[in-house]
PDB file of N, CA and C in Angstrom:
ATOM      1  N   MET A   1     -16.273   7.166   5.989  1.00  0.00           N
ATOM      2  CA  MET A   1     -15.039   7.961   5.475  1.00  0.00           C
ATOM      3  C   MET A   1     -14.541   7.385   4.026  1.00  0.00           C
ATOM      4  N   VAL A   2     -14.161   8.061   3.210  1.00  0.00           N
ATOM      5  CA  VAL A   2     -13.568   7.866   1.899  1.00  0.00           C
ATOM      6  C   VAL A   2     -11.933   7.835   1.887  1.00  0.00           C
ATOM      7  N   TYR A   3     -11.458   7.112   1.565  1.00  0.00           N
ATOM      8  CA  TYR A   3      -9.671   6.902   1.530  1.00  0.00           C
ATOM      9  C   TYR A   3      -9.380   6.599   0.177  1.00  0.00           C
ATOM     10  N   LEU A   4      -8.170   7.585  -0.295  1.00  0.00           N
ATOM     11  CA  LEU A   4      -7.609   7.141  -1.700  1.00  0.00           C
ATOM     12  C   LEU A   4      -6.302   6.614  -1.286  1.00  0.00           C
ATOM     13  N   LEU A   5      -5.777   5.677  -1.976  1.00  0.00           N
ATOM     14  CA  LEU A   5      -4.599   4.897  -1.411  1.00  0.00           C
ATOM     15  C   LEU A   5      -3.750   5.173  -3.009  1.00  0.00           C
ATOM     16  N   LYS A   6      -2.342   5.562  -2.442  1.00  0.00           N
ATOM     17  CA  LYS A   6      -1.355   5.817  -3.771  1.00  0.00           C
ATOM     18  C   LYS A   6      -0.464   4.666  -3.245  1.00  0.00           C
ATOM     19  N   LYS A   7      -0.343   4.204  -4.294  1.00  0.00           N
ATOM     20  CA  LYS A   7       0.889   2.755  -4.612  1.00  0.00           C
ATOM     21  C   LYS A   7       1.658   2.947  -5.735  1.00  0.00           C
ATOM     22  N   ASN A   8       2.880   3.183  -5.471  1.00  0.00           N
ATOM     23  CA  ASN A   8       3.629   3.309  -6.662  1.00  0.00           C
ATOM     24  C   ASN A   8       3.507   4.491  -7.558  1.00  0.00           C
ATOM     25  N   LYS A   9       3.069   5.571  -7.053  1.00  0.00           N
ATOM     26  CA  LYS A   9       2.803   6.654  -7.625  1.00  0.00           C
ATOM     27  C   LYS A   9       1.518   6.586  -8.545  1.00  0.00           C
ATOM     28  N   ILE A  10       0.734   5.510  -8.333  1.00  0.00           N
ATOM     29  CA  ILE A  10      -0.619   5.364  -8.888  1.00  0.00           C
ATOM     30  C   ILE A  10      -1.638   5.691  -7.974  1.00  0.00           C
ATOM     31  N   ILE A  11      -2.560   6.500  -8.167  1.00  0.00           N
ATOM     32  CA  ILE A  11      -3.515   6.710  -7.011  1.00  0.00           C
ATOM     33  C   ILE A  11      -4.928   5.852  -7.249  1.00  0.00           C
ATOM     34  N   ASN A  12      -5.429   5.065  -6.229  1.00  0.00           N
ATOM     35  CA  ASN A  12      -6.714   4.104  -6.426  1.00  0.00           C
ATOM     36  C   ASN A  12      -7.735   4.559  -5.446  1.00  0.00           C
ATOM     37  N   GLY A  13      -8.616   4.108  -5.554  1.00  0.00           N
ATOM     38  CA  GLY A  13      -9.754   4.327  -4.799  1.00  0.00           C
ATOM     39  C   GLY A  13     -11.051   5.193  -5.261  1.00  0.00           C
ATOM     40  N   PRO A  14     -11.963   5.729  -4.651  1.00  0.00           N
ATOM     41  CA  PRO A  14     -11.571   5.534  -3.393  1.00  0.00           C
ATOM     42  C   PRO A  14     -12.423   4.394  -2.724  1.00  0.00           C
ATOM     43  N   TYR A  15     -11.613   4.382  -1.507  1.00  0.00           N
ATOM     44  CA  TYR A  15     -12.287   2.803  -0.793  1.00  0.00           C
ATOM     45  C   TYR A  15     -12.621   2.954   0.571  1.00  0.00           C
ATOM     46  N   ASN A  16     -13.661   2.303   1.487  1.00  0.00           N
ATOM     47  CA  ASN A  16     -14.017   2.635   2.764  1.00  0.00           C
ATOM     48  C   ASN A  16     -13.021   1.485   3.422  1.00  0.00           C
ATOM     49  N   ILE A  17     -13.008   1.840   5.031  1.00  0.00           N
ATOM     50  CA  ILE A  17     -11.978   1.163   5.714  1.00  0.00           C
ATOM     51  C   ILE A  17     -12.129  -0.288   5.314  1.00  0.00           C
ATOM     52  N   GLU A  18     -13.490  -1.029   5.239  1.00  0.00           N
ATOM     53  CA  GLU A  18     -13.633  -2.360   5.063  1.00  0.00           C
ATOM     54  C   GLU A  18     -12.925  -2.946   3.862  1.00  0.00           C
ATOM     55  N   THR A  19     -12.969  -1.922   2.604  1.00  0.00           N
ATOM     56  CA  THR A  19     -12.275  -2.442   1.523  1.00  0.00           C
ATOM     57  C   THR A  19     -10.720  -2.453   1.676  1.00  0.00           C
ATOM     58  N   LEU A  20     -10.435  -1.509   2.369  1.00  0.00           N
ATOM     59  CA  LEU A  20      -8.874  -1.398   2.640  1.00  0.00           C
ATOM     60  C   LEU A  20      -8.557  -2.579   3.538  1.00  0.00           C
ATOM     61  N   LYS A  21      -9.195  -3.031   4.603  1.00  0.00           N
ATOM     62  CA  LYS A  21      -8.918  -4.137   5.168  1.00  0.00           C
ATOM     63  C   LYS A  21      -8.537  -5.488   4.492  1.00  0.00           C
ATOM     64  N   GLN A  22      -9.733  -5.676   3.734  1.00  0.00           N
ATOM     65  CA  GLN A  22      -9.400  -6.887   2.688  1.00  0.00           C
ATOM     66  C   GLN A  22      -8.468  -6.568   1.651  1.00  0.00           C
ATOM     67  N   ARG A  23      -8.074  -5.562   1.094  1.00  0.00           N
ATOM     68  CA  ARG A  23      -7.054  -5.264  -0.172  1.00  0.00           C
ATOM     69  C   ARG A  23      -5.549  -5.734   0.730  1.00  0.00           C
ATOM     70  N   GLY A  24      -5.445  -5.304   1.985  1.00  0.00           N
ATOM     71  CA  GLY A  24      -4.115  -5.312   2.683  1.00  0.00           C
ATOM     72  C   GLY A  24      -3.580  -4.163   1.955  1.00  0.00           C
ATOM     73  N   ILE A  25      -2.613  -3.490   2.674  1.00  0.00           N
ATOM     74  CA  ILE A  25      -1.914  -2.429   2.423  1.00  0.00           C
ATOM     75  C   ILE A  25      -0.531  -2.633   2.840  1.00  0.00           C
ATOM     76  N   LYS A  26       0.501  -1.842   2.156  1.00  0.00           N
ATOM     77  CA  LYS A  26       2.059  -2.045   2.443  1.00  0.00           C
ATOM     78  C   LYS A  26       2.367  -1.128   3.241  1.00  0.00           C
ATOM     79  N   SER A  27       3.324  -0.962   3.951  1.00  0.00           N
ATOM     80  CA  SER A  27       3.680  -0.179   5.007  1.00  0.00           C
ATOM     81  C   SER A  27       4.238   1.429   4.240  1.00  0.00           C
ATOM     82  N   THR A  28       4.381   1.003   3.150  1.00  0.00           N
ATOM     83  CA  THR A  28       5.009   2.321   2.237  1.00  0.00           C
ATOM     84  C   THR A  28       4.151   2.864   1.518  1.00  0.00           C
ATOM     85  N   ASP A  29       2.579   2.459   1.693  1.00  0.00           N
ATOM     86  CA  ASP A  29       1.707   2.942   0.837  1.00  0.00           C
ATOM     87  C   ASP A  29       1.349   4.295   1.553  1.00  0.00           C
ATOM     88  N   MET A  30       0.783   5.129   0.717  1.00  0.00           N
ATOM     89  CA  MET A  30       0.678   6.309   1.359  1.00  0.00           C
ATOM     90  C   MET A  30      -1.072   6.535   1.081  1.00  0.00           C
ATOM     91  N   VAL A  31      -1.509   7.134   2.163  1.00  0.00           N
ATOM     92  CA  VAL A  31      -3.144   7.491   1.894  1.00  0.00           C
ATOM     93  C   VAL A  31      -3.552   8.920   2.135  1.00  0.00           C
ATOM     94  N   TRP A  32      -4.770   9.185   1.724  1.00  0.00           N
ATOM     95  CA  TRP A  32      -5.181  10.572   1.726  1.00  0.00           C
ATOM     96  C   TRP A  32      -6.704  10.216   2.135  1.00  0.00           C
ATOM     97  N   CYS A  33      -7.322  11.227   3.036  1.00  0.00           N
ATOM     98  CA  CYS A  33      -8.616  11.135   3.563  1.00  0.00           C
ATOM     99  C   CYS A  33      -8.974  12.608   3.701  1.00  0.00           C
ATOM    100  N   LYS A  34     -10.181  12.978   4.032  1.00  0.00           N
ATOM    101  CA  LYS A  34     -10.597  14.205   4.590  1.00  0.00           C
ATOM    102  C   LYS A  34      -9.904  14.138   6.060  1.00  0.00           C
ATOM    103  N   GLY A  35      -9.296  15.362   6.267  1.00  0.00           N
ATOM    104  CA  GLY A  35      -8.466  15.755   7.698  1.00  0.00           C
ATOM    105  C   GLY A  35      -7.273  15.634   7.314  1.00  0.00           C
ATOM    106  N   LEU A  36      -6.503  14.978   6.679  1.00  0.00           N
ATOM    107  CA  LEU A  36      -5.195  15.057   6.374  1.00  0.00           C
ATOM    108  C   LEU A  36      -4.881  15.991   5.423  1.00  0.00           C
ATOM    109  N   VAL A  37      -3.661  16.735   5.611  1.00  0.00           N
ATOM    110  CA  VAL A  37      -3.246  17.447   4.934  1.00  0.00           C
ATOM    111  C   VAL A  37      -2.757  17.284   3.469  1.00  0.00           C
ATOM    112  N   ASP A  38      -1.971  16.134   3.559  1.00  0.00           N
ATOM    113  CA  ASP A  38      -1.337  15.538   2.234  1.00  0.00           C
ATOM    114  C   ASP A  38      -1.059  14.176   2.435  1.00  0.00           C
ATOM    115  N   TRP A  39      -0.977  13.422   1.306  1.00  0.00           N
ATOM    116  CA  TRP A  39      -0.414  12.343   1.548  1.00  0.00           C
ATOM    117  C   TRP A  39       0.345  11.433   2.546  1.00  0.00           C
ATOM    118  N   THR A  40      -0.117  10.595   3.232  1.00  0.00           N
ATOM    119  CA  THR A  40       0.597  10.209   4.282  1.00  0.00           C
ATOM    120  C   THR A  40       1.063   8.827   4.539  1.00  0.00           C
ATOM    121  N   PRO A  41       2.090   8.382   4.944  1.00  0.00           N
ATOM    122  CA  PRO A  41       2.074   6.866   4.944  1.00  0.00           C
ATOM    123  C   PRO A  41       1.204   6.293   6.223  1.00  0.00           C
ATOM    124  N   ILE A  42       0.904   4.970   5.626  1.00  0.00           N
ATOM    125  CA  ILE A  42      -0.027   4.269   6.442  1.00  0.00           C
ATOM    126  C   ILE A  42       0.352   4.272   7.951  1.00  0.00           C
ATOM    127  N   SER A  43       1.617   3.893   8.005  1.00  0.00           N
ATOM    128  CA  SER A  43       2.291   4.063   9.481  1.00  0.00           C
ATOM    129  C   SER A  43       1.899   5.094  10.339  1.00  0.00           C
ATOM    130  N   GLN A  44       1.818   6.114   9.824  1.00  0.00           N
ATOM    131  CA  GLN A  44       1.531   7.640  10.453  1.00  0.00           C
ATOM    132  C   GLN A  44       0.311   7.753  10.750  1.00  0.00           C
ATOM    133  N   VAL A  45      -0.866   7.113  10.299  1.00  0.00           N
ATOM    134  CA  VAL A  45      -2.123   7.692  10.554  1.00  0.00           C
ATOM    135  C   VAL A  45      -2.800   6.572  11.507  1.00  0.00           C
ATOM    136  N   ASP A  46      -3.005   7.198  12.631  1.00  0.00           N
ATOM    137  CA  ASP A  46      -3.422   6.303  13.748  1.00  0.00           C
ATOM    138  C   ASP A  46      -4.663   5.757  13.741  1.00  0.00           C
ATOM    139  N   PHE A  47      -5.775   6.343  13.016  1.00  0.00           N
ATOM    140  CA  PHE A  47      -7.129   5.624  12.692  1.00  0.00           C
ATOM    141  C   PHE A  47      -7.002   4.579  11.732  1.00  0.00           C
ATOM    142  N   LEU A  48      -5.965   4.225  11.279  1.00  0.00           N
ATOM    143  CA  LEU A  48      -5.822   3.242  10.319  1.00  0.00           C
ATOM    144  C   LEU A  48      -5.056   2.015  10.729  1.00  0.00           C
ATOM    145  N   VAL A  49      -4.731   1.897  12.228  1.00  0.00           N
ATOM    146  CA  VAL A  49      -4.039   0.792  12.833  1.00  0.00           C
ATOM    147  C   VAL A  49      -4.523  -0.425  12.606  1.00  0.00           C
ATOM    148  N   ASP A  50      -6.034  -0.531  12.358  1.00  0.00           N
ATOM    149  CA  ASP A  50      -6.368  -1.922  12.467  1.00  0.00           C
ATOM    150  C   ASP A  50      -6.457  -2.507  10.920  1.00  0.00           C
ATOM    151  N   VAL A  51      -5.799  -1.474  10.080  1.00  0.00           N
ATOM    152  CA  VAL A  51      -5.923  -2.422   8.732  1.00  0.00           C
ATOM    153  C   VAL A  51      -4.652  -3.039   8.674  1.00  0.00           C
ATOM    154  N   PRO A  52      -4.498  -4.302   8.042  1.00  0.00           N
ATOM    155  CA  PRO A  52      -3.381  -5.392   8.050  1.00  0.00           C
ATOM    156  C   PRO A  52      -2.358  -4.847   7.210  1.00  0.00           C
ATOM    157  N   VAL A  53      -1.172  -4.952   7.573  1.00  0.00           N
ATOM    158  CA  VAL A  53      -0.094  -4.304   6.586  1.00  0.00           C
ATOM    159  C   VAL A  53       0.758  -5.745   6.067  1.00  0.00           C
ATOM    160  N   ILE A  54       0.817  -5.532   4.879  1.00  0.00           N
ATOM    161  CA  ILE A  54       1.661  -6.527   4.264  1.00  0.00           C
ATOM    162  C   ILE A  54       3.088  -6.405   4.254  1.00  0.00           C
ATOM    163  N   HIS A  55       3.895  -6.661   4.542  1.00  0.00           N
ATOM    164  CA  HIS A  55       5.236  -6.550   4.825  1.00  0.00           C
ATOM    165  C   HIS A  55       5.746  -7.480   3.534  1.00  0.00           C
ATOM    166  N   SER A  56       6.098  -6.456   2.823  1.00  0.00           N
ATOM    167  CA  SER A  56       7.178  -6.935   1.577  1.00  0.00           C
ATOM    168  C   SER A  56       8.553  -7.371   1.572  1.00  0.00           C
ATOM    169  N   ARG A  57       9.111  -8.438   0.977  1.00  0.00           N
ATOM    170  CA  ARG A  57      10.179  -9.302   1.333  1.00  0.00           C
ATOM    171  C   ARG A  57      11.025  -8.814   0.086  1.00  0.00           C
ATOM    172  N   LYS A  58      12.335  -8.410   0.509  1.00  0.00           N
ATOM    173  CA  LYS A  58      13.301  -7.970  -0.551  1.00  0.00           C
ATOM    174  C   LYS A  58      13.705  -9.150  -1.471  1.00  0.00           C
ATOM    175  N   SER A  59      13.850  -9.301  -2.298  1.00  0.00           N
ATOM    176  CA  SER A  59      14.343 -10.611  -3.442  1.00  0.00           C
ATOM    177  C   SER A  59      15.842 -10.602  -3.386  1.00  0.00           C
ATOM    178  N   ASN A  60      16.594 -11.447  -3.425  1.00  0.00           N
ATOM    179  CA  ASN A  60      17.892 -11.322  -3.554  1.00  0.00           C
ATOM    180  C   ASN A  60      18.610 -11.617  -5.029  1.00  0.00           C
ATOM    181  N   LYS A  61      17.309 -11.895  -5.641  1.00  0.00           N
ATOM    182  CA  LYS A  61      17.678 -12.377  -7.129  1.00  0.00           C
ATOM    183  C   LYS A  61      17.931 -10.743  -7.851  1.00  0.00           C
ATOM    184  N   THR A  62      18.840 -10.819  -8.841  1.00  0.00           N
ATOM    185  CA  THR A  62      19.150  -9.795  -9.749  1.00  0.00           C
ATOM    186  C   THR A  62      18.029  -9.526 -10.477  1.00  0.00           C
ATOM    187  N   ILE A  63      18.006  -8.446 -11.320  1.00  0.00           N
ATOM    188  CA  ILE A  63      16.830  -7.852 -12.018  1.00  0.00           C
ATOM    189  C   ILE A  63      16.782  -8.925 -13.371  1.00  0.00           C
ATOM    190  N   ILE A  64      17.984  -9.376 -13.743  1.00  0.00           N
ATOM    191  CA  ILE A  64      18.183 -10.509 -15.142  1.00  0.00           C
ATOM    192  C   ILE A  64      17.398 -11.899 -14.427  1.00  0.00           C
ATOM    193  N   GLU A  65      17.558 -12.252 -13.069  1.00  0.00           N
ATOM    194  CA  GLU A  65      17.063 -13.593 -12.729  1.00  0.00           C
ATOM    195  C   GLU A  65      15.666 -13.347 -12.639  1.00  0.00           C
ATOM    196  N   ARG A  66      14.968 -12.085 -12.185  1.00  0.00           N
ATOM    197  CA  ARG A  66      13.617 -11.756 -12.155  1.00  0.00           C
ATOM    198  C   ARG A  66      13.039 -11.794 -13.186  1.00  0.00           C
ATOM    199  N   VAL A  67      13.402 -11.228 -14.347  1.00  0.00           N
ATOM    200  CA  VAL A  67      12.845 -11.168 -15.511  1.00  0.00           C
ATOM    201  C   VAL A  67      12.697 -12.219 -16.417  1.00  0.00           C
ATOM    202  N   PHE A  68      14.010 -13.080 -16.229  1.00  0.00           N
ATOM    203  CA  PHE A  68      13.628 -14.530 -16.900  1.00  0.00           C
ATOM    204  C   PHE A  68      13.246 -15.833 -15.896  1.00  0.00           C
ATOM    205  N   SER A  69      12.821 -15.404 -14.874  1.00  0.00           N
ATOM    206  CA  SER A  69      12.391 -16.517 -14.005  1.00  0.00           C
ATOM    207  C   SER A  69      11.516 -17.506 -14.816  1.00  0.00           C
ATOM    208  N   PHE A  70      10.634 -17.127 -15.631  1.00  0.00           N
ATOM    209  CA  PHE A  70       9.638 -17.689 -16.236  1.00  0.00           C
ATOM    210  C   PHE A  70      10.251 -18.851 -16.952  1.00  0.00           C
ATOM    211  N   LEU A  71      11.722 -18.706 -17.460  1.00  0.00           N
ATOM    212  CA  LEU A  71      12.361 -19.825 -18.029  1.00  0.00           C
ATOM    213  C   LEU A  71      12.760 -21.165 -17.196  1.00  0.00           C
ATOM    214  N   LYS A  72      12.860 -20.786 -15.976  1.00  0.00           N
ATOM    215  CA  LYS A  72      12.877 -22.438 -15.182  1.00  0.00           C
ATOM    216  C   LYS A  72      12.046 -23.215 -14.939  1.00  0.00           C
TER     217      LYS A  72
END
């Protein structure tokens, strides 16, 4: 089966299931494949439960701190 992955409004792929497992995905990523009506959150696709999900951590830094963090 071929999967398309949508991250931050950018469509990537096509990928097979093994490639998705290697890449890792975030719980906020959307996926589409044959049989799905529309882009669907990874967490709602039963047959992708074996794909490792990367949990993003929110940064407590301000945008200015993140932009200029290279100066430290």
